[in-house]
Protein backbone atom coordinates (compact mmCIF):
# COMPACT_ATOMS: atom_id res chain seq x y z
CA UNK A 1 25.73 27.94 -93.23
CA UNK A 2 26.79 31.26 -91.80
CA UNK A 3 25.81 30.41 -88.24
CA UNK A 4 29.13 29.25 -86.82
CA UNK A 5 28.02 25.65 -86.47
CA UNK A 6 31.53 24.59 -85.56
CA UNK A 7 31.36 26.75 -82.47
CA UNK A 8 28.26 24.94 -81.24
CA UNK A 9 28.67 22.55 -78.34
CA UNK A 10 25.78 20.44 -79.60
CA UNK A 11 26.22 17.39 -81.84
CA UNK A 12 24.23 17.30 -85.06
CA UNK A 13 24.10 21.10 -85.05
CA UNK A 14 22.55 21.44 -88.55
CA UNK A 15 19.56 19.34 -87.45
CA UNK A 16 19.25 21.35 -84.26
CA UNK A 17 19.21 24.56 -86.33
CA UNK A 18 16.16 23.32 -88.20
CA UNK A 19 14.49 21.85 -85.08
CA UNK A 20 12.86 25.10 -83.77
CA UNK A 21 11.09 25.69 -87.07
CA UNK A 22 10.01 22.05 -87.30
CA UNK A 23 8.55 22.24 -83.79
CA UNK A 24 6.86 25.60 -84.46
CA UNK A 25 5.28 24.29 -87.65
CA UNK A 26 4.04 21.05 -86.11
CA UNK A 27 2.85 22.91 -83.00
CA UNK A 28 0.63 25.01 -85.28
CA UNK A 29 -0.96 21.78 -86.51
CA UNK A 30 -1.37 20.50 -82.94
CA UNK A 31 -3.00 23.76 -81.82
CA UNK A 32 -5.57 23.91 -84.64
CA UNK A 33 -8.16 21.87 -82.78
CA UNK A 34 -7.44 23.47 -79.40
CA UNK A 35 -8.01 27.13 -80.28
CA UNK A 36 -11.85 26.96 -80.50
CA UNK A 37 -12.10 25.34 -77.05
CA UNK A 38 -9.91 27.66 -74.99
CA UNK A 39 -9.15 31.36 -74.54
CA UNK A 40 -6.33 32.95 -76.56
CA UNK A 41 -4.44 34.70 -73.75
CA UNK A 42 -4.68 31.64 -71.51
CA UNK A 43 -3.30 29.52 -74.35
CA UNK A 44 -0.48 32.03 -74.88
CA UNK A 45 0.38 31.85 -71.19
CA UNK A 46 0.42 28.04 -71.32
CA UNK A 47 2.93 28.20 -74.17
CA UNK A 48 5.20 30.52 -72.16
CA UNK A 49 5.11 30.02 -68.40
CA UNK A 50 5.51 26.21 -68.03
CA UNK A 51 8.02 26.23 -70.89
CA UNK A 52 10.05 28.90 -69.11
CA UNK A 53 10.16 26.76 -65.97
CA UNK A 54 11.42 23.80 -68.01
CA UNK A 55 14.16 25.91 -69.62
CA UNK A 56 15.27 27.25 -66.22
CA UNK A 57 15.47 23.69 -64.85
CA UNK A 58 17.58 22.65 -67.84
CA UNK A 59 19.80 25.73 -67.42
CA UNK A 60 20.41 24.91 -63.75
CA UNK A 61 21.29 21.31 -64.64
CA UNK A 62 23.70 22.63 -67.30
CA UNK A 63 25.32 24.89 -64.67
CA UNK A 64 24.33 28.17 -66.31
CA UNK A 65 24.72 31.27 -64.09
CA UNK A 66 21.68 33.19 -62.89
CA UNK A 67 21.31 36.79 -64.13
CA UNK A 68 22.84 39.33 -61.78
CA UNK A 69 22.71 43.11 -61.66
CA UNK A 70 20.12 45.69 -62.67
CA UNK A 71 21.27 45.82 -66.29
CA UNK A 72 20.69 42.08 -66.77
CA UNK A 73 17.22 42.11 -65.22
CA UNK A 74 16.12 45.28 -67.05
CA UNK A 75 17.09 43.76 -70.41
CA UNK A 76 15.35 40.47 -69.52
CA UNK A 77 12.17 42.31 -68.47
CA UNK A 78 12.17 44.31 -71.72
CA UNK A 79 12.84 41.09 -73.63
CA UNK A 80 9.95 39.41 -71.77
CA UNK A 81 7.55 42.27 -72.58
CA UNK A 82 8.31 42.38 -76.33
CA UNK A 83 9.15 38.80 -77.31
CA UNK A 84 7.08 37.14 -74.59
CA UNK A 85 3.89 38.99 -73.71
CA UNK A 86 3.42 41.07 -76.88
CA UNK A 87 4.48 38.41 -79.38
CA UNK A 88 2.47 35.54 -77.88
CA UNK A 89 -0.47 37.83 -77.07
CA UNK A 90 -0.72 39.23 -80.61
CA UNK A 91 -0.18 35.75 -82.05
CA UNK A 92 -2.92 34.10 -79.99
CA UNK A 93 -5.46 36.87 -80.59
CA UNK A 94 -4.58 36.93 -84.29
CA UNK A 95 -5.01 33.17 -84.68
CA UNK A 96 -8.56 33.45 -83.34
CA UNK A 97 -9.41 36.02 -86.02
CA UNK A 98 -7.68 34.52 -89.04
CA UNK A 99 -6.84 31.22 -90.67
CA UNK A 100 -3.68 29.37 -89.67
CA UNK A 101 -2.24 29.55 -93.20
CA UNK A 102 -2.77 33.28 -93.64
CA UNK A 103 -1.58 33.95 -90.12
CA UNK A 104 1.56 31.92 -90.81
CA UNK A 105 2.34 34.11 -93.83
CA UNK A 106 2.08 37.22 -91.67
CA UNK A 107 4.19 35.78 -88.86
CA UNK A 108 6.84 34.27 -91.10
CA UNK A 109 7.47 37.52 -92.96
CA UNK A 110 9.55 38.64 -89.98
CA UNK A 111 12.95 37.68 -91.53
CA UNK A 112 12.65 40.87 -93.59
CA UNK A 113 12.39 42.96 -90.41
CA UNK A 114 15.25 41.01 -88.81
CA UNK A 115 17.44 41.60 -91.88
CA UNK A 116 16.79 45.35 -91.83
CA UNK A 117 17.39 45.61 -88.07
CA UNK A 118 20.56 43.51 -88.29
CA UNK A 119 21.85 45.66 -91.15
CA UNK A 120 21.16 48.82 -89.14
CA UNK A 121 22.38 47.67 -85.71
CA UNK A 122 25.10 45.12 -86.47
CA UNK A 123 26.06 45.97 -90.08
CA UNK A 124 25.38 42.38 -91.16
CA UNK A 125 26.18 41.97 -94.83
CA UNK A 126 23.13 40.88 -96.82
CA UNK A 127 24.12 41.56 -100.41
CA UNK A 128 22.30 40.94 -103.67
CA UNK A 129 21.83 37.20 -103.15
CA UNK A 130 20.54 37.74 -99.62
CA UNK A 131 17.93 40.31 -100.64
CA UNK A 132 16.93 38.14 -103.61
CA UNK A 133 16.48 35.18 -101.26
CA UNK A 134 14.37 37.23 -98.83
CA UNK A 135 12.14 38.40 -101.68
CA UNK A 136 11.70 34.88 -103.04
CA UNK A 137 10.94 33.66 -99.51
CA UNK A 138 8.13 36.18 -99.05
CA UNK A 139 6.67 35.15 -102.42
CA UNK A 140 6.98 31.49 -101.41
CA UNK A 141 5.17 31.81 -98.07
CA UNK A 142 2.52 33.98 -99.78
CA UNK A 143 1.82 31.18 -102.26
CA UNK A 144 1.66 28.76 -99.32
CA UNK A 145 -0.68 30.75 -97.08
CA UNK A 146 -2.82 33.05 -99.22
CA UNK A 147 -5.98 31.64 -100.88
CA UNK A 148 -5.39 30.65 -104.51
CA UNK A 149 -8.28 32.82 -105.71
CA UNK A 150 -6.63 35.92 -104.20
CA UNK A 151 -3.42 35.22 -106.10
CA UNK A 152 -5.22 34.62 -109.40
CA UNK A 153 -7.35 37.71 -108.83
CA UNK A 154 -4.24 39.78 -108.24
CA UNK A 155 -3.34 39.23 -111.90
CA UNK A 156 -6.92 39.77 -113.00
CA UNK A 157 -8.27 43.03 -114.37
CA UNK A 158 -10.71 43.44 -111.49
CA UNK A 159 -8.52 45.77 -109.44
CA UNK A 160 -11.35 47.06 -107.26
CA UNK A 161 -12.21 43.54 -106.10
CA UNK A 162 -8.55 42.90 -105.26
CA UNK A 163 -8.35 46.11 -103.22
CA UNK A 164 -11.56 45.14 -101.46
CA UNK A 165 -10.11 41.77 -100.47
CA UNK A 166 -7.03 43.37 -98.96
CA UNK A 167 -9.20 45.89 -97.09
CA UNK A 168 -11.17 42.98 -95.64
CA UNK A 169 -7.84 41.32 -94.77
CA UNK A 170 -6.63 44.18 -92.60
CA UNK A 171 -10.06 44.71 -91.09
CA UNK A 172 -9.72 41.27 -89.46
CA UNK A 173 -6.90 39.82 -87.38
CA UNK A 174 -4.02 39.95 -89.82
CA UNK A 175 -2.74 43.26 -88.52
CA UNK A 176 -2.35 41.53 -85.14
CA UNK A 177 -0.22 38.89 -86.85
CA UNK A 178 1.94 41.62 -88.38
CA UNK A 179 2.41 43.14 -84.91
CA UNK A 180 3.35 39.68 -83.65
CA UNK A 181 5.90 39.32 -86.47
CA UNK A 182 7.40 42.71 -85.63
CA UNK A 183 7.57 41.79 -81.92
CA UNK A 184 9.36 38.53 -82.75
CA UNK A 185 11.80 40.34 -85.05
CA UNK A 186 12.66 42.88 -82.36
CA UNK A 187 13.03 40.07 -79.82
CA UNK A 188 15.36 38.14 -82.13
CA UNK A 189 17.64 41.17 -82.44
CA UNK A 190 17.32 42.04 -78.74
CA UNK A 191 18.86 38.72 -77.62
CA UNK A 192 22.27 40.08 -78.68
CA UNK A 193 21.96 42.90 -76.13
CA UNK A 194 20.51 40.60 -73.44
CA UNK A 195 23.46 38.22 -73.81
CA UNK A 196 25.89 41.00 -72.93
CA UNK A 197 24.59 40.78 -69.37
CA UNK A 198 23.08 37.28 -69.00
CA UNK A 199 23.44 33.72 -70.25
CA UNK A 200 21.17 33.22 -73.32
CA UNK A 201 19.56 29.99 -72.09
CA UNK A 202 18.86 31.38 -68.61
CA UNK A 203 17.58 34.66 -70.10
CA UNK A 204 15.25 32.74 -72.42
CA UNK A 205 13.72 30.86 -69.49
CA UNK A 206 13.19 33.96 -67.36
CA UNK A 207 11.77 35.98 -70.24
CA UNK A 208 9.17 33.28 -70.89
CA UNK A 209 8.10 33.21 -67.24
CA UNK A 210 7.98 37.00 -66.91
CA UNK A 211 6.21 37.29 -70.27
CA UNK A 212 3.63 34.63 -69.42
CA UNK A 213 2.59 36.09 -66.05
CA UNK A 214 0.82 39.21 -67.44
CA UNK A 215 -0.92 37.07 -70.08
CA UNK A 216 -2.39 34.81 -67.42
CA UNK A 217 -3.21 37.87 -65.29
CA UNK A 218 -5.19 39.51 -68.10
CA UNK A 219 -6.80 36.16 -68.96
CA UNK A 220 -8.05 35.70 -65.39
CA UNK A 221 -9.88 39.04 -65.61
CA UNK A 222 -10.96 39.29 -69.26
CA UNK A 223 -11.52 35.66 -70.29
CA UNK A 224 -13.65 32.75 -69.09
CA UNK A 225 -13.94 29.00 -69.69
CA UNK A 226 -10.19 28.80 -70.32
CA UNK A 227 -9.77 25.07 -69.69
CA UNK A 228 -13.22 23.67 -68.82
CA UNK A 229 -13.98 22.54 -72.40
CA UNK A 230 -10.61 20.92 -73.09
CA UNK A 231 -10.49 17.12 -73.49
CA UNK A 232 -7.52 14.80 -72.98
CA UNK A 233 -6.30 14.94 -76.58
CA UNK A 234 -6.33 18.75 -76.48
CA UNK A 235 -4.30 18.81 -73.26
CA UNK A 236 -1.79 16.54 -75.01
CA UNK A 237 -1.69 19.02 -77.92
CA UNK A 238 -1.13 21.87 -75.45
CA UNK A 239 1.64 19.84 -73.82
CA UNK A 240 3.35 19.29 -77.17
CA UNK A 241 3.10 22.99 -78.03
CA UNK A 242 4.52 23.90 -74.61
CA UNK A 243 7.40 21.40 -74.39
CA UNK A 244 8.47 21.13 -78.03
CA UNK A 245 6.92 24.23 -79.65
CA UNK A 246 8.08 26.58 -76.88
CA UNK A 247 10.65 25.22 -74.39
CA UNK A 248 12.88 23.30 -76.81
CA UNK A 249 12.22 25.48 -79.86
CA UNK A 250 12.86 28.82 -78.13
CA UNK A 251 15.79 27.49 -76.13
CA UNK A 252 17.56 26.37 -79.31
CA UNK A 253 16.52 29.42 -81.35
CA UNK A 254 17.82 32.01 -78.92
CA UNK A 255 20.95 29.97 -78.21
CA UNK A 256 21.84 30.16 -81.90
CA UNK A 257 20.63 33.78 -82.16
CA UNK A 258 23.13 34.84 -79.48
CA UNK A 259 25.93 34.43 -82.06
CA UNK A 260 26.27 34.06 -85.80
CA UNK A 261 24.18 35.66 -88.52
CA UNK A 262 20.71 36.73 -87.41
CA UNK A 263 19.64 37.13 -91.04
CA UNK A 264 20.62 33.53 -91.87
CA UNK A 265 19.00 32.09 -88.75
CA UNK A 266 15.82 34.11 -89.16
CA UNK A 267 15.51 33.04 -92.80
CA UNK A 268 14.91 29.48 -91.58
CA UNK A 269 11.58 30.80 -90.25
CA UNK A 270 10.36 30.38 -93.82
CA UNK A 271 10.42 26.63 -93.09
CA UNK A 272 7.69 26.94 -90.43
CA UNK A 273 4.70 27.12 -92.83
CA UNK A 274 6.30 24.39 -94.95
CA UNK A 275 6.35 22.01 -91.99
CA UNK A 276 2.84 23.14 -90.98
CA UNK A 277 1.51 22.37 -94.46
CA UNK A 278 3.27 19.03 -94.84
CA UNK A 279 2.18 17.72 -91.45
CA UNK A 280 -1.30 19.17 -91.92
CA UNK A 281 -1.45 17.12 -95.11
CA UNK A 282 -0.15 14.03 -93.31
CA UNK A 283 -2.27 14.12 -90.13
CA UNK A 284 -5.27 16.29 -91.05
CA UNK A 285 -5.62 15.19 -94.70
CA UNK A 286 -5.23 18.78 -95.88
CA UNK A 287 -4.53 18.83 -99.63
CA UNK A 288 -1.82 21.11 -101.04
CA UNK A 289 -2.70 22.98 -104.22
CA UNK A 290 -0.23 23.29 -107.12
CA UNK A 291 0.46 26.90 -106.10
CA UNK A 292 1.31 25.79 -102.57
CA UNK A 293 3.79 23.22 -103.91
CA UNK A 294 5.39 26.00 -105.96
CA UNK A 295 5.54 28.07 -102.76
CA UNK A 296 7.30 25.22 -100.93
CA UNK A 297 9.91 25.05 -103.71
CA UNK A 298 10.48 28.81 -103.72
CA UNK A 299 10.80 28.80 -99.93
CA UNK A 300 13.56 26.18 -100.02
CA UNK A 301 15.35 28.10 -102.81
CA UNK A 302 15.18 31.30 -100.76
CA UNK A 303 16.73 29.66 -97.70
CA UNK A 304 19.57 28.31 -99.83
CA UNK A 305 20.24 31.74 -101.38
CA UNK A 306 20.24 33.54 -98.01
CA UNK A 307 22.47 31.06 -96.23
CA UNK A 308 24.89 30.68 -99.14
CA UNK A 309 24.91 34.36 -100.14
CA UNK A 310 28.56 34.93 -99.25
CA UNK A 311 29.70 31.81 -101.11
CA UNK A 312 27.64 32.79 -104.17
CA UNK A 313 29.03 36.32 -104.08
CA UNK A 314 32.55 34.92 -103.67
CA UNK A 315 32.16 32.70 -106.73
CA UNK A 316 30.99 35.68 -108.77
CA UNK A 317 33.97 37.70 -107.58
CA UNK A 318 36.32 34.82 -108.52
CA UNK A 319 34.77 34.62 -111.98
CA UNK A 320 35.16 38.39 -112.41
CA UNK A 321 38.78 38.28 -111.29
CA UNK A 322 39.47 35.30 -113.57
CA UNK A 323 37.93 37.04 -116.56
CA UNK A 324 39.92 40.20 -115.84
CA UNK A 325 43.11 38.14 -115.58
CA UNK A 326 42.39 36.43 -118.88
CA UNK A 327 41.77 39.79 -120.54
CA UNK A 328 45.04 41.17 -119.17
CA UNK A 329 46.89 38.06 -120.40
CA UNK A 330 45.36 38.46 -123.84
CA UNK A 331 46.40 42.11 -123.99
CA UNK A 332 49.92 41.23 -122.84
CA UNK A 333 50.21 38.42 -125.39
CA UNK A 334 48.99 40.73 -128.19
CA UNK A 335 51.50 43.41 -127.18
CA UNK A 336 54.41 40.92 -127.26
CA UNK A 337 53.44 39.88 -130.76
CA UNK A 338 53.58 43.49 -131.86
């Protein structure tokens, strides 16, 4: 993979690369039963603030330096506003207004935005295979998250009904999920600028704390009954989402995002709804339709194409060069015969 795994200080780096998306997907399953019994902004703050404290404690144990200077703190505050408060706020409010599957499609479309931003800001090479993989990935997560009847109706002659469905879609909470996806994409790209002035692990911890504070502040004024209706199992689910779905997942994600290919790393986000579906099937007895299984397959193909795009392009170039060499040899051999 094009993520400089050899430069990582962690053992089993390939597994750690996949870990954030595994934890995000399983955290979605854990949070399904919690959402109706709590308030969205309070829940978003729970996923950020305690997790930020845990990351800071780990960073101190690892001997990471604290941010210093106005430039470092200004970038961290901006990072906290966009990737912390806005992303988690839009995500939590959007989940209340839409289904988890459809919301996951909206959120996990953000690799497209990351690819465009990386191409513009860092001139990351994407190429034909990369764009093809991104397109297949969007189709895959659409098959996973969108209702089957919408997909079949899309190919039906009833165009007006299809347009009406999509109008209903954006009249609900899906536009909030798109804003969340855009916020996450901008945050993913922003970590490169933050790391010029601060350690990525320390910056991740502080941005989660500073991003969670305004969410809890707004929740204390605008929401009620944030935790009174939660039972023990739901607190355990919140704890899993905080420790694994936030602290560990974000710590690893932004560590890897600080170097290597952002397009390749972000493409692994397509795995999130796959893990959510598989573990929803395992623990919640949710049944996958044939279209969803096709979506899972397309998603895995897309990740392979994106992360192997340079190797695939190199093989094509070698084949082209080899064919050209053979043609030149044939011409030379013919000329010697003459």
